[in-house]
Amino acid sequence: MMDLNSLTEAIVDEGVWFTPSFPDGSKGDFDFLVIGRNSSEYRRIALKNLVKLSSNRKGAVEEVVSSAETFLVCVKNWRGLTEGGKEYPCTRENKESMYKNPKLRWLTEHPDSVSGSTDQVCR
């Protein structure tokens, strides 16, 4: 349950725990802690990338923040994930490895949609 009084701007930077669903619709027994796309950390990355894009003389249309960067920035922690029976800690290297694994694409795409929906709640 969530108390409506706790839905403040702070939740965007602090994050919310989210339980992803498997492709068949069943819920996993692990969670992600996800921050919003209007969090200060995400906006800092977007601004840095926008400055890089503005200096691009080719005029190509590109994403300001890629889905990989969104996953790396917006997933702050997880719980309940193991690899080979051992705890799989939430580190940048492990997030990069998960994102690059095509078998986990269904999982790594979830936080991107959740980080956007937390922004809708927190505006």
C-alpha atoms as a PDB file:
ATOM      1  CA  MET A   1       0.000   0.000   0.000  1.00  0.00           C
ATOM      2  CA  MET A   2       1.047   3.565  -0.546  1.00  0.00           C
ATOM      3  CA  ASP A   3      -0.120   6.561   1.441  1.00  0.00           C
ATOM      4  CA  LEU A   4      -1.170   9.315  -0.964  1.00  0.00           C
ATOM      5  CA  ASN A   5       0.509  11.847   1.323  1.00  0.00           C
ATOM      6  CA  SER A   6       3.880  10.254   0.497  1.00  0.00           C
ATOM      7  CA  LEU A   7       3.577  11.018  -3.228  1.00  0.00           C
ATOM      8  CA  THR A   8       5.769  14.098  -3.211  1.00  0.00           C
ATOM      9  CA  GLU A   9       8.482  15.460  -5.441  1.00  0.00           C
ATOM     10  CA  ALA A  10      11.059  13.717  -3.235  1.00  0.00           C
ATOM     11  CA  ILE A  11       9.926  10.340  -4.579  1.00  0.00           C
ATOM     12  CA  VAL A  12      11.356  11.280  -7.982  1.00  0.00           C
ATOM     13  CA  ASP A  13      14.902  11.432  -6.575  1.00  0.00           C
ATOM     14  CA  GLU A  14      14.482   8.778  -3.862  1.00  0.00           C
ATOM     15  CA  GLY A  15      12.724   6.274  -6.111  1.00  0.00           C
ATOM     16  CA  VAL A  16      10.014   3.667  -5.785  1.00  0.00           C
ATOM     17  CA  TRP A  17      10.298  -0.111  -5.587  1.00  0.00           C
ATOM     18  CA  PHE A  18       8.866  -1.832  -8.656  1.00  0.00           C
ATOM     19  CA  THR A  19       8.245  -5.563  -9.184  1.00  0.00           C
ATOM     20  CA  PRO A  20       8.611  -6.472 -12.878  1.00  0.00           C
ATOM     21  CA  SER A  21       6.414  -9.040 -14.556  1.00  0.00           C
ATOM     22  CA  PHE A  22       7.727 -11.945 -16.610  1.00  0.00           C
ATOM     23  CA  PRO A  23       6.782 -12.026 -20.303  1.00  0.00           C
ATOM     24  CA  ASP A  24       3.928 -14.420 -19.421  1.00  0.00           C
ATOM     25  CA  GLY A  25       2.470 -11.808 -17.040  1.00  0.00           C
ATOM     26  CA  SER A  26       3.452 -13.488 -13.768  1.00  0.00           C
ATOM     27  CA  LYS A  27       5.192 -11.352 -11.149  1.00  0.00           C
ATOM     28  CA  GLY A  28       8.840 -11.891 -10.304  1.00  0.00           C
ATOM     29  CA  ASP A  29      10.142 -12.291  -6.746  1.00  0.00           C
ATOM     30  CA  PHE A  30      12.645  -9.472  -7.199  1.00  0.00           C
ATOM     31  CA  ASP A  31      12.317  -5.681  -7.286  1.00  0.00           C
ATOM     32  CA  PHE A  32      13.985  -2.638  -8.794  1.00  0.00           C
ATOM     33  CA  LEU A  33      14.354   0.719  -7.032  1.00  0.00           C
ATOM     34  CA  VAL A  34      13.690   3.217  -9.825  1.00  0.00           C
ATOM     35  CA  ILE A  35      14.042   7.007  -9.875  1.00  0.00           C
ATOM     36  CA  GLY A  36      12.086   9.253 -12.227  1.00  0.00           C
ATOM     37  CA  ARG A  37      13.177  10.841 -15.481  1.00  0.00           C
ATOM     38  CA  ASN A  38      12.674  14.254 -13.963  1.00  0.00           C
ATOM     39  CA  SER A  39      15.059  13.409 -11.111  1.00  0.00           C
ATOM     40  CA  SER A  40      18.036  15.688 -10.682  1.00  0.00           C
ATOM     41  CA  GLU A  41      20.462  12.895 -11.653  1.00  0.00           C
ATOM     42  CA  TYR A  42      18.629  12.068 -14.902  1.00  0.00           C
ATOM     43  CA  ARG A  43      18.257  15.754 -15.831  1.00  0.00           C
ATOM     44  CA  ARG A  44      22.005  16.257 -15.286  1.00  0.00           C
ATOM     45  CA  ILE A  45      22.795  13.442 -17.767  1.00  0.00           C
ATOM     46  CA  ALA A  46      20.217  14.744 -20.262  1.00  0.00           C
ATOM     47  CA  LEU A  47      21.650  18.272 -20.091  1.00  0.00           C
ATOM     48  CA  LYS A  48      25.213  17.003 -20.557  1.00  0.00           C
ATOM     49  CA  ASN A  49      24.102  14.989 -23.599  1.00  0.00           C
ATOM     50  CA  LEU A  50      22.094  17.901 -24.998  1.00  0.00           C
ATOM     51  CA  VAL A  51      25.194  20.112 -24.898  1.00  0.00           C
ATOM     52  CA  LYS A  52      27.095  17.406 -26.817  1.00  0.00           C
ATOM     53  CA  LEU A  53      24.275  17.167 -29.387  1.00  0.00           C
ATOM     54  CA  SER A  54      24.095  20.919 -29.878  1.00  0.00           C
ATOM     55  CA  SER A  55      27.745  20.901 -30.931  1.00  0.00           C
ATOM     56  CA  ASN A  56      26.992  18.169 -33.507  1.00  0.00           C
ATOM     57  CA  ARG A  57      27.335  19.941 -36.852  1.00  0.00           C
ATOM     58  CA  LYS A  58      25.691  17.138 -38.808  1.00  0.00           C
ATOM     59  CA  GLY A  59      22.273  18.082 -37.469  1.00  0.00           C
ATOM     60  CA  ALA A  60      21.333  14.440 -36.937  1.00  0.00           C
ATOM     61  CA  VAL A  61      18.340  13.736 -34.756  1.00  0.00           C
ATOM     62  CA  GLU A  62      19.468  11.593 -31.854  1.00  0.00           C
ATOM     63  CA  GLU A  63      18.105  10.546 -28.485  1.00  0.00           C
ATOM     64  CA  VAL A  64      19.106  12.911 -25.701  1.00  0.00           C
ATOM     65  CA  VAL A  65      19.315   9.987 -23.268  1.00  0.00           C
ATOM     66  CA  SER A  66      19.543   6.456 -24.645  1.00  0.00           C
ATOM     67  CA  SER A  67      17.536   3.601 -23.190  1.00  0.00           C
ATOM     68  CA  ALA A  68      20.812   2.108 -21.918  1.00  0.00           C
ATOM     69  CA  GLU A  69      21.651   5.322 -20.050  1.00  0.00           C
ATOM     70  CA  THR A  70      18.096   5.463 -18.719  1.00  0.00           C
ATOM     71  CA  PHE A  71      18.481   1.958 -17.297  1.00  0.00           C
ATOM     72  CA  LEU A  72      21.898   2.766 -15.789  1.00  0.00           C
ATOM     73  CA  VAL A  73      20.738   6.048 -14.236  1.00  0.00           C
ATOM     74  CA  CYS A  74      17.155   5.280 -13.213  1.00  0.00           C
ATOM     75  CA  VAL A  75      17.728   1.845 -11.638  1.00  0.00           C
ATOM     76  CA  LYS A  76      19.256   2.728  -8.275  1.00  0.00           C
ATOM     77  CA  ASN A  77      19.090  -0.683  -6.626  1.00  0.00           C
ATOM     78  CA  TRP A  78      17.505  -4.115  -6.786  1.00  0.00           C
ATOM     79  CA  ARG A  79      16.744  -6.911  -4.398  1.00  0.00           C
ATOM     80  CA  GLY A  80      16.162 -10.595  -4.902  1.00  0.00           C
ATOM     81  CA  LEU A  81      18.440 -11.142  -7.922  1.00  0.00           C
ATOM     82  CA  THR A  82      21.010 -13.930  -7.827  1.00  0.00           C
ATOM     83  CA  GLU A  83      23.455 -15.465 -10.273  1.00  0.00           C
ATOM     84  CA  GLY A  84      24.609 -19.044  -9.762  1.00  0.00           C
ATOM     85  CA  GLY A  85      22.974 -19.064  -6.327  1.00  0.00           C
ATOM     86  CA  LYS A  86      24.918 -16.005  -5.149  1.00  0.00           C
ATOM     87  CA  GLU A  87      23.550 -12.522  -4.539  1.00  0.00           C
ATOM     88  CA  TYR A  88      23.877 -10.357  -7.663  1.00  0.00           C
ATOM     89  CA  PRO A  89      24.666  -6.853  -6.377  1.00  0.00           C
ATOM     90  CA  CYS A  90      23.411  -3.715  -8.095  1.00  0.00           C
ATOM     91  CA  THR A  91      26.579  -2.217  -9.553  1.00  0.00           C
ATOM     92  CA  ARG A  92      27.134  -0.223 -12.725  1.00  0.00           C
ATOM     93  CA  GLU A  93      29.014  -3.185 -14.234  1.00  0.00           C
ATOM     94  CA  ASN A  94      26.168  -5.596 -13.428  1.00  0.00           C
ATOM     95  CA  LYS A  95      23.579  -3.167 -14.824  1.00  0.00           C
ATOM     96  CA  GLU A  96      25.615  -2.851 -18.036  1.00  0.00           C
ATOM     97  CA  SER A  97      25.914  -6.640 -18.276  1.00  0.00           C
ATOM     98  CA  MET A  98      22.168  -7.085 -17.781  1.00  0.00           C
ATOM     99  CA  TYR A  99      21.353  -4.428 -20.363  1.00  0.00           C
ATOM    100  CA  LYS A 100      23.658  -5.984 -22.970  1.00  0.00           C
ATOM    101  CA  ASN A 101      22.226  -9.491 -22.459  1.00  0.00           C
ATOM    102  CA  PRO A 102      19.580 -10.015 -25.191  1.00  0.00           C
ATOM    103  CA  LYS A 103      17.858 -12.683 -23.069  1.00  0.00           C
ATOM    104  CA  LEU A 104      17.163 -10.033 -20.406  1.00  0.00           C
ATOM    105  CA  ARG A 105      15.862  -7.328 -22.766  1.00  0.00           C
ATOM    106  CA  TRP A 106      12.295  -7.895 -21.498  1.00  0.00           C
ATOM    107  CA  LEU A 107      13.571  -7.102 -17.992  1.00  0.00           C
ATOM    108  CA  THR A 108      15.830  -4.141 -18.715  1.00  0.00           C
ATOM    109  CA  GLU A 109      13.085  -2.345 -20.663  1.00  0.00           C
ATOM    110  CA  HIS A 110      10.703  -2.300 -17.667  1.00  0.00           C
ATOM    111  CA  PRO A 111      12.460   0.369 -15.559  1.00  0.00           C
ATOM    112  CA  ASP A 112      12.464   2.771 -18.510  1.00  0.00           C
ATOM    113  CA  SER A 113       8.665   2.721 -18.654  1.00  0.00           C
ATOM    114  CA  VAL A 114       8.354   2.872 -14.878  1.00  0.00           C
ATOM    115  CA  SER A 115      10.743   5.818 -14.573  1.00  0.00           C
ATOM    116  CA  GLY A 116       8.481   7.691 -16.963  1.00  0.00           C
ATOM    117  CA  SER A 117       5.298   6.783 -15.105  1.00  0.00           C
ATOM    118  CA  THR A 118       6.756   7.864 -11.751  1.00  0.00           C
ATOM    119  CA  ASP A 119       7.262  11.268 -13.330  1.00  0.00           C
ATOM    120  CA  GLN A 120       3.572  11.460 -14.191  1.00  0.00           C
ATOM    121  CA  VAL A 121       2.661  10.711 -10.580  1.00  0.00           C
ATOM    122  CA  CYS A 122       5.193  13.155  -9.155  1.00  0.00           C
ATOM    123  CA  ARG A 123       4.623  16.246 -11.266  1.00  0.00           C
END
